[in-house]
Amino acid sequence: MAGSLNEMLPDPISDADELILLDLLKRKMTVMADIAVELLRAMEKEFGSKAREVVREMINHQEFEARRGAGKPETDLRDFCAMVDKTAVGTHKWKKTEDQPHRVGYSFTRCMYAEIFRELEEPELGLIMCARDEPWVRSFNPKLAFKRTKALMAGDEMCDNTYYVET
């Protein structure tokens, strides 16, 4: 199962030290998420259900600026997945379920963001983060695509993220 900080640190640390660092990271992330939750709830108090409608619009209409210099889709798929592997270290636990030249699948069994937003009783707000996955991969190379049928943030037991070259 991938996701240990030791995958990116120049010198290994003990499991106990890793737990201390991850707890600190989660506490800092929780503070920021709690601010977002408080802001949403204040907006709901002031503007009613329209505030949550704005959140839902954000979930459904996320975009990223296209990356300049998109290359061969198969190469960009590998590069994108390498970036996913690096950016998820510490906050996620996963295993690759598929590793083909045109398709890479993951099973994420831990997402610190999902844990935090569920603890704050606002998983819908957290879904904004999940909704970024598809436009993020397309911005990397418009010939890449993304599919997910299960999400930790939605209460599923895992996220089944698949990145692939669109034919």
Protein backbone atom coordinates (compact mmCIF):
# COMPACT_ATOMS: atom_id res chain seq x y z
CA MET A 1 0.00 0.00 0.00
CA ALA A 2 1.55 3.29 -1.11
CA GLY A 3 1.32 6.59 0.72
CA SER A 4 4.05 6.57 3.36
CA LEU A 5 6.08 9.74 3.84
CA ASN A 6 9.17 7.54 3.57
CA GLU A 7 8.46 7.28 -0.15
CA MET A 8 9.51 10.90 -0.58
CA LEU A 9 11.87 11.67 2.32
CA PRO A 10 15.62 11.52 1.68
CA ASP A 11 16.15 9.70 5.00
CA PRO A 12 13.63 7.25 6.43
CA ILE A 13 11.75 8.07 9.62
CA SER A 14 10.18 5.70 12.12
CA ASP A 15 6.52 4.73 11.98
CA ALA A 16 6.00 6.62 15.25
CA ASP A 17 7.53 9.81 13.82
CA GLU A 18 5.46 9.45 10.67
CA LEU A 19 2.28 9.24 12.77
CA ILE A 20 3.29 12.41 14.63
CA LEU A 21 3.89 14.28 11.37
CA LEU A 22 0.66 13.05 9.79
CA ASP A 23 -1.32 14.00 12.88
CA LEU A 24 0.17 17.51 12.71
CA LEU A 25 -0.64 17.71 9.01
CA LYS A 26 -4.23 16.58 9.62
CA ARG A 27 -4.69 19.12 12.41
CA LYS A 28 -3.48 21.93 10.14
CA MET A 29 -5.69 20.74 7.28
CA THR A 30 -8.64 20.53 9.68
CA VAL A 31 -8.19 24.16 10.71
CA MET A 32 -8.36 25.26 7.07
CA ALA A 33 -11.32 23.00 6.30
CA ASP A 34 -13.12 24.23 9.40
CA ILE A 35 -12.76 27.81 8.17
CA ALA A 36 -14.36 26.78 4.86
CA VAL A 37 -17.19 25.02 6.73
CA GLU A 38 -17.78 28.03 8.97
CA LEU A 39 -17.78 30.31 5.94
CA LEU A 40 -20.33 28.14 4.12
CA ARG A 41 -22.57 28.01 7.18
CA ALA A 42 -22.34 31.78 7.67
CA MET A 43 -23.21 32.28 4.00
CA GLU A 44 -26.17 29.91 4.38
CA LYS A 45 -27.36 31.86 7.40
CA GLU A 46 -27.16 35.12 5.47
CA PHE A 47 -28.27 33.99 2.00
CA GLY A 48 -30.15 30.75 2.64
CA SER A 49 -29.96 27.72 0.38
CA LYS A 50 -28.44 29.79 -2.45
CA ALA A 51 -25.05 29.50 -0.71
CA ARG A 52 -25.10 25.71 -0.94
CA GLU A 53 -26.30 25.93 -4.54
CA VAL A 54 -23.10 27.86 -5.29
CA VAL A 55 -21.10 24.99 -3.76
CA ARG A 56 -22.93 22.50 -5.98
CA GLU A 57 -22.18 24.65 -9.02
CA MET A 58 -18.51 24.61 -8.06
CA ILE A 59 -18.64 20.81 -7.87
CA ASN A 60 -20.15 20.57 -11.34
CA HIS A 61 -18.17 23.26 -13.17
CA GLN A 62 -14.51 23.14 -12.22
CA GLU A 63 -11.93 24.05 -14.83
CA PHE A 64 -8.18 24.39 -15.04
CA GLU A 65 -6.13 26.26 -17.57
CA ALA A 66 -4.64 23.87 -20.11
CA ARG A 67 -1.01 22.99 -19.55
CA ARG A 68 1.27 24.21 -22.29
CA GLY A 69 3.32 21.63 -24.06
CA ALA A 70 1.10 18.59 -23.78
CA GLY A 71 2.97 15.70 -25.30
CA LYS A 72 2.28 12.16 -26.36
CA PRO A 73 -0.77 11.01 -24.37
CA GLU A 74 0.83 7.76 -23.17
CA THR A 75 3.87 9.65 -21.86
CA ASP A 76 1.70 12.34 -20.27
CA LEU A 77 -0.42 9.64 -18.62
CA ARG A 78 2.72 8.22 -16.95
CA ASP A 79 3.87 11.71 -15.94
CA PHE A 80 0.45 12.62 -14.57
CA CYS A 81 0.21 9.43 -12.52
CA ALA A 82 3.74 9.97 -11.17
CA MET A 83 2.55 13.41 -10.05
CA VAL A 84 -0.54 11.85 -8.41
CA ASP A 85 1.73 9.41 -6.58
CA LYS A 86 3.87 12.25 -5.24
CA THR A 87 1.08 14.66 -4.29
CA ALA A 88 -0.95 11.99 -2.47
CA VAL A 89 1.88 10.85 -0.19
CA GLY A 90 0.96 11.31 3.45
CA THR A 91 -2.65 12.33 2.92
CA HIS A 92 -3.74 9.20 1.04
CA LYS A 93 -3.21 5.43 1.07
CA TRP A 94 -3.61 3.53 -2.19
CA LYS A 95 -2.60 0.69 -4.41
CA LYS A 96 -2.46 0.56 -8.17
CA THR A 97 -5.10 -1.76 -9.48
CA GLU A 98 -4.18 -1.45 -13.14
CA ASP A 99 -0.99 -0.34 -14.87
CA GLN A 100 -1.30 -0.50 -18.63
CA PRO A 101 0.31 1.78 -21.25
CA HIS A 102 -3.04 3.51 -21.93
CA ARG A 103 -4.72 3.10 -18.54
CA VAL A 104 -3.76 3.37 -14.86
CA GLY A 105 -6.16 2.52 -12.05
CA TYR A 106 -5.96 3.20 -8.33
CA SER A 107 -7.83 2.10 -5.25
CA PHE A 108 -7.57 4.87 -2.66
CA THR A 109 -8.51 3.53 0.77
CA ARG A 110 -7.57 6.62 2.75
CA CYS A 111 -8.08 10.28 1.98
CA MET A 112 -7.33 12.72 4.75
CA TYR A 113 -9.58 15.30 3.09
CA ALA A 114 -12.53 12.89 3.19
CA GLU A 115 -11.84 12.08 6.83
CA ILE A 116 -11.74 15.75 7.76
CA PHE A 117 -14.83 16.87 5.87
CA ARG A 118 -16.83 13.90 7.18
CA GLU A 119 -15.67 14.70 10.74
CA LEU A 120 -16.82 18.29 10.18
CA GLU A 121 -20.15 16.93 8.83
CA GLU A 122 -19.69 18.65 5.47
CA PRO A 123 -18.71 15.96 2.94
CA GLU A 124 -20.55 17.90 0.23
CA LEU A 125 -18.11 20.76 0.67
CA GLY A 126 -15.28 18.25 0.39
CA LEU A 127 -16.70 16.97 -2.89
CA ILE A 128 -15.44 20.22 -4.45
CA MET A 129 -11.97 18.77 -4.07
CA CYS A 130 -12.98 15.45 -5.63
CA ALA A 131 -14.59 17.26 -8.55
CA ARG A 132 -11.22 18.74 -9.45
CA ASP A 133 -9.79 15.38 -10.52
CA GLU A 134 -11.37 15.19 -13.98
CA PRO A 135 -10.61 18.76 -15.12
CA TRP A 136 -7.12 18.47 -13.62
CA VAL A 137 -6.25 15.43 -15.76
CA ARG A 138 -7.80 17.01 -18.88
CA SER A 139 -5.80 20.21 -18.32
CA PHE A 140 -2.62 18.12 -18.27
CA ASN A 141 -3.42 16.70 -21.70
CA PRO A 142 -6.84 16.99 -23.37
CA LYS A 143 -6.45 13.44 -24.70
CA LEU A 144 -6.40 12.06 -21.14
CA ALA A 145 -9.58 11.13 -19.30
CA PHE A 146 -10.70 10.19 -15.81
CA LYS A 147 -13.34 7.91 -14.35
CA ARG A 148 -14.47 7.25 -10.79
CA THR A 149 -17.52 5.27 -9.66
CA LYS A 150 -16.82 5.24 -5.91
CA ALA A 151 -15.57 8.01 -3.61
CA LEU A 152 -14.50 8.03 0.03
CA MET A 153 -15.91 11.54 0.30
CA ALA A 154 -19.34 10.17 -0.68
CA GLY A 155 -19.12 7.47 2.00
CA ASP A 156 -17.86 4.62 -0.18
CA GLU A 157 -15.16 2.27 1.13
CA MET A 158 -12.67 3.55 -1.47
CA CYS A 159 -12.11 5.78 -4.47
CA ASP A 160 -11.63 3.85 -7.69
CA ASN A 161 -9.78 6.40 -9.79
CA THR A 162 -8.88 5.45 -13.33
CA TYR A 163 -6.78 7.65 -15.61
CA TYR A 164 -6.62 6.72 -19.27
CA VAL A 165 -5.84 7.82 -22.80
CA GLU A 166 -9.07 8.66 -24.53
CA THR A 167 -9.50 7.00 -27.92
